[in-house]
N, C-alpha and C. Protein backbone atom coordinates (compact mmCIF):
# COMPACT_ATOMS: atom_id res chain seq x y z
N MET A 1 136.02 31.43 74.72
CA MET A 1 136.30 30.56 73.60
C MET A 1 137.80 30.64 73.30
N ASN A 2 138.42 29.48 73.21
CA ASN A 2 139.85 29.51 72.94
C ASN A 2 140.14 29.66 71.45
N LYS A 3 141.39 29.85 71.13
CA LYS A 3 141.79 30.15 69.77
C LYS A 3 141.55 28.98 68.81
N MET A 4 141.78 27.75 69.30
CA MET A 4 141.64 26.57 68.44
C MET A 4 140.18 26.35 68.06
N THR A 5 139.26 26.53 68.97
CA THR A 5 137.84 26.36 68.69
C THR A 5 137.38 27.40 67.67
N TYR A 6 137.85 28.61 67.82
CA TYR A 6 137.51 29.68 66.88
C TYR A 6 138.02 29.34 65.48
N LEU A 7 139.25 28.83 65.40
CA LEU A 7 139.84 28.47 64.12
C LEU A 7 139.06 27.33 63.45
N LYS A 8 138.65 26.34 64.25
CA LYS A 8 137.87 25.23 63.70
C LYS A 8 136.53 25.71 63.16
N GLN A 9 135.87 26.59 63.91
CA GLN A 9 134.58 27.11 63.46
C GLN A 9 134.74 27.94 62.19
N LEU A 10 135.79 28.72 62.12
CA LEU A 10 136.04 29.53 60.93
C LEU A 10 136.32 28.64 59.72
N LEU A 11 137.08 27.59 59.90
CA LEU A 11 137.39 26.66 58.82
C LEU A 11 136.14 25.92 58.36
N LEU A 12 135.32 25.50 59.28
CA LEU A 12 134.07 24.81 58.94
C LEU A 12 133.12 25.73 58.19
N THR A 13 133.03 26.96 58.61
CA THR A 13 132.18 27.93 57.92
C THR A 13 132.67 28.18 56.50
N GLY A 14 133.97 28.30 56.33
CA GLY A 14 134.55 28.49 55.00
C GLY A 14 134.27 27.30 54.10
N CYS A 15 134.40 26.11 54.62
CA CYS A 15 134.12 24.91 53.83
C CYS A 15 132.66 24.85 53.41
N MET A 16 131.77 25.18 54.32
CA MET A 16 130.34 25.17 53.99
C MET A 16 130.01 26.19 52.90
N LEU A 17 130.59 27.38 52.99
CA LEU A 17 130.35 28.38 51.97
C LEU A 17 130.91 27.95 50.62
N LEU A 18 132.04 27.28 50.63
CA LEU A 18 132.63 26.78 49.39
C LEU A 18 131.74 25.72 48.76
N MET A 19 131.19 24.83 49.59
CA MET A 19 130.30 23.79 49.07
C MET A 19 129.04 24.39 48.45
N VAL A 20 128.49 25.41 49.08
CA VAL A 20 127.30 26.05 48.54
C VAL A 20 127.60 26.65 47.17
N GLY A 21 128.74 27.29 47.03
CA GLY A 21 129.13 27.87 45.75
C GLY A 21 129.31 26.82 44.68
N VAL A 22 129.91 25.69 45.03
CA VAL A 22 130.11 24.61 44.07
C VAL A 22 128.78 24.03 43.63
N LEU A 23 127.89 23.82 44.57
CA LEU A 23 126.58 23.24 44.23
C LEU A 23 125.78 24.18 43.34
N GLN A 24 125.84 25.47 43.59
CA GLN A 24 125.13 26.41 42.73
C GLN A 24 125.74 26.44 41.34
N ALA A 25 127.04 26.33 41.24
CA ALA A 25 127.70 26.32 39.93
C ALA A 25 127.32 25.08 39.15
N GLN A 26 127.19 23.95 39.83
CA GLN A 26 126.79 22.72 39.14
C GLN A 26 125.36 22.81 38.64
N THR A 27 124.49 23.43 39.41
CA THR A 27 123.10 23.57 38.99
C THR A 27 123.01 24.43 37.74
N ALA A 28 123.76 25.50 37.68
CA ALA A 28 123.74 26.37 36.51
C ALA A 28 124.31 25.65 35.30
N ALA A 29 125.36 24.86 35.49
CA ALA A 29 125.96 24.14 34.37
C ALA A 29 125.02 23.04 33.88
N ASP A 30 124.31 22.37 34.79
CA ASP A 30 123.38 21.33 34.39
C ASP A 30 122.23 21.89 33.58
N SER A 31 121.73 23.05 33.96
CA SER A 31 120.62 23.64 33.22
C SER A 31 121.07 24.11 31.84
N THR A 32 122.30 24.57 31.71
CA THR A 32 122.83 24.97 30.41
C THR A 32 123.00 23.75 29.51
N ALA A 33 123.51 22.65 30.07
CA ALA A 33 123.71 21.45 29.27
C ALA A 33 122.37 20.84 28.86
N ALA A 34 121.37 20.95 29.72
CA ALA A 34 120.06 20.38 29.40
C ALA A 34 119.36 21.17 28.30
N SER A 35 119.69 22.45 28.16
CA SER A 35 119.04 23.26 27.15
C SER A 35 119.64 23.05 25.76
N GLY A 36 120.69 22.24 25.66
CA GLY A 36 121.26 21.92 24.36
C GLY A 36 122.51 22.71 24.03
N GLY A 37 122.84 23.73 24.78
CA GLY A 37 124.04 24.52 24.52
C GLY A 37 125.13 24.13 25.48
N GLY A 38 126.16 24.87 25.44
CA GLY A 38 127.21 24.67 26.42
C GLY A 38 128.49 24.13 25.82
N LEU A 39 129.51 24.21 26.63
CA LEU A 39 130.85 23.81 26.21
C LEU A 39 130.97 22.31 26.04
N MET A 40 130.34 21.55 26.94
CA MET A 40 130.48 20.10 26.88
C MET A 40 129.92 19.52 25.59
N SER A 41 128.76 19.98 25.17
CA SER A 41 128.18 19.44 23.93
C SER A 41 129.03 19.83 22.72
N THR A 42 129.60 21.02 22.74
CA THR A 42 130.47 21.45 21.65
C THR A 42 131.73 20.59 21.60
N MET A 43 132.31 20.34 22.77
CA MET A 43 133.54 19.54 22.80
C MET A 43 133.26 18.09 22.42
N ARG A 44 132.10 17.57 22.83
CA ARG A 44 131.76 16.20 22.45
C ARG A 44 131.54 16.09 20.96
N SER A 45 130.93 17.09 20.37
CA SER A 45 130.65 17.02 18.94
C SER A 45 131.91 17.07 18.11
N HIS A 46 132.97 17.70 18.62
CA HIS A 46 134.23 17.78 17.89
C HIS A 46 135.26 16.78 18.40
N ASN A 47 134.86 15.90 19.32
CA ASN A 47 135.73 14.88 19.93
C ASN A 47 136.95 15.47 20.63
N LYS A 48 136.85 16.69 21.11
CA LYS A 48 137.96 17.30 21.83
C LYS A 48 137.90 16.97 23.31
N ILE A 49 136.77 16.46 23.76
CA ILE A 49 136.66 16.10 25.17
C ILE A 49 137.64 14.99 25.51
N TYR A 50 137.92 14.13 24.54
CA TYR A 50 138.87 13.04 24.76
C TYR A 50 140.29 13.56 24.89
N VAL A 51 140.60 14.62 24.18
CA VAL A 51 141.92 15.23 24.29
C VAL A 51 142.08 15.86 25.67
N VAL A 52 141.06 16.52 26.13
CA VAL A 52 141.09 17.13 27.46
C VAL A 52 141.24 16.07 28.53
N MET A 53 140.48 14.98 28.40
CA MET A 53 140.58 13.88 29.37
C MET A 53 141.96 13.26 29.35
N ALA A 54 142.55 13.08 28.18
CA ALA A 54 143.88 12.49 28.08
C ALA A 54 144.93 13.38 28.74
N VAL A 55 144.82 14.69 28.53
CA VAL A 55 145.77 15.62 29.14
C VAL A 55 145.63 15.60 30.66
N CYS A 56 144.41 15.62 31.14
CA CYS A 56 144.18 15.59 32.60
C CYS A 56 144.70 14.30 33.22
N LEU A 57 144.45 13.18 32.57
CA LEU A 57 144.95 11.90 33.09
C LEU A 57 146.47 11.84 33.06
N THR A 58 147.08 12.40 32.04
CA THR A 58 148.53 12.43 31.96
C THR A 58 149.12 13.27 33.09
N ILE A 59 148.55 14.43 33.33
CA ILE A 59 149.03 15.29 34.41
C ILE A 59 148.85 14.61 35.75
N LEU A 60 147.70 13.99 35.97
CA LEU A 60 147.44 13.30 37.23
C LEU A 60 148.41 12.14 37.42
N THR A 61 148.68 11.38 36.38
CA THR A 61 149.61 10.26 36.48
C THR A 61 151.02 10.74 36.82
N VAL A 62 151.45 11.79 36.16
CA VAL A 62 152.79 12.33 36.43
C VAL A 62 152.89 12.83 37.87
N LEU A 63 151.85 13.50 38.36
CA LEU A 63 151.88 13.98 39.75
C LEU A 63 151.93 12.83 40.74
N ILE A 64 151.17 11.79 40.49
CA ILE A 64 151.17 10.64 41.41
C ILE A 64 152.54 9.96 41.40
N LEU A 65 153.13 9.77 40.21
CA LEU A 65 154.45 9.16 40.14
C LEU A 65 155.50 10.04 40.83
N TYR A 66 155.38 11.34 40.70
CA TYR A 66 156.30 12.26 41.35
C TYR A 66 156.19 12.15 42.88
N LEU A 67 154.98 12.08 43.38
CA LEU A 67 154.79 11.94 44.83
C LEU A 67 155.33 10.61 45.34
N ILE A 68 155.14 9.55 44.58
CA ILE A 68 155.67 8.24 44.99
C ILE A 68 157.20 8.30 45.03
N ARG A 69 157.79 8.94 44.04
CA ARG A 69 159.25 9.06 43.98
C ARG A 69 159.78 9.85 45.18
N ILE A 70 159.12 10.94 45.50
CA ILE A 70 159.53 11.74 46.66
C ILE A 70 159.39 10.94 47.94
N ASP A 71 158.30 10.18 48.07
CA ASP A 71 158.08 9.37 49.26
C ASP A 71 159.18 8.32 49.41
N LEU A 72 159.57 7.70 48.31
CA LEU A 72 160.64 6.71 48.38
C LEU A 72 161.96 7.35 48.79
N LYS A 73 162.26 8.53 48.28
CA LYS A 73 163.50 9.22 48.65
C LYS A 73 163.49 9.60 50.13
N VAL A 74 162.35 10.09 50.61
CA VAL A 74 162.26 10.51 52.01
C VAL A 74 162.38 9.30 52.93
N SER A 75 161.72 8.20 52.58
CA SER A 75 161.82 7.01 53.44
C SER A 75 163.24 6.45 53.43
N LYS A 76 163.94 6.55 52.30
CA LYS A 76 165.32 6.10 52.22
C LYS A 76 166.21 6.96 53.12
N LYS A 77 165.98 8.28 53.11
CA LYS A 77 166.75 9.18 53.97
C LYS A 77 166.45 8.93 55.45
N GLU A 78 165.20 8.61 55.77
CA GLU A 78 164.84 8.33 57.15
C GLU A 78 165.52 7.08 57.67
N LYS A 79 165.66 6.08 56.81
CA LYS A 79 166.31 4.84 57.23
C LYS A 79 167.80 5.03 57.48
N THR A 80 168.42 5.88 56.67
CA THR A 80 169.87 6.10 56.84
C THR A 80 170.18 7.04 58.01
N ALA A 81 169.26 7.91 58.35
CA ALA A 81 169.53 8.87 59.43
C ALA A 81 169.18 8.34 60.79
């Protein structure tokens, strides 16, 4: 077995284990939310979920604009070089 095949198998195994962990975490969170408790219901009742969503969207928008700006600078440098 060559090195690249081993690396691909190791990466695939790691991804599968990560997915299993995420799915189990979602199941536990869903059962907590269904029982009436949990962070989401508390945040919804105090309307803080909208603040969290606004902050996340702001951060995501800034990151996307930053990446676009970097891409434009790199393409400009590529054209001149």
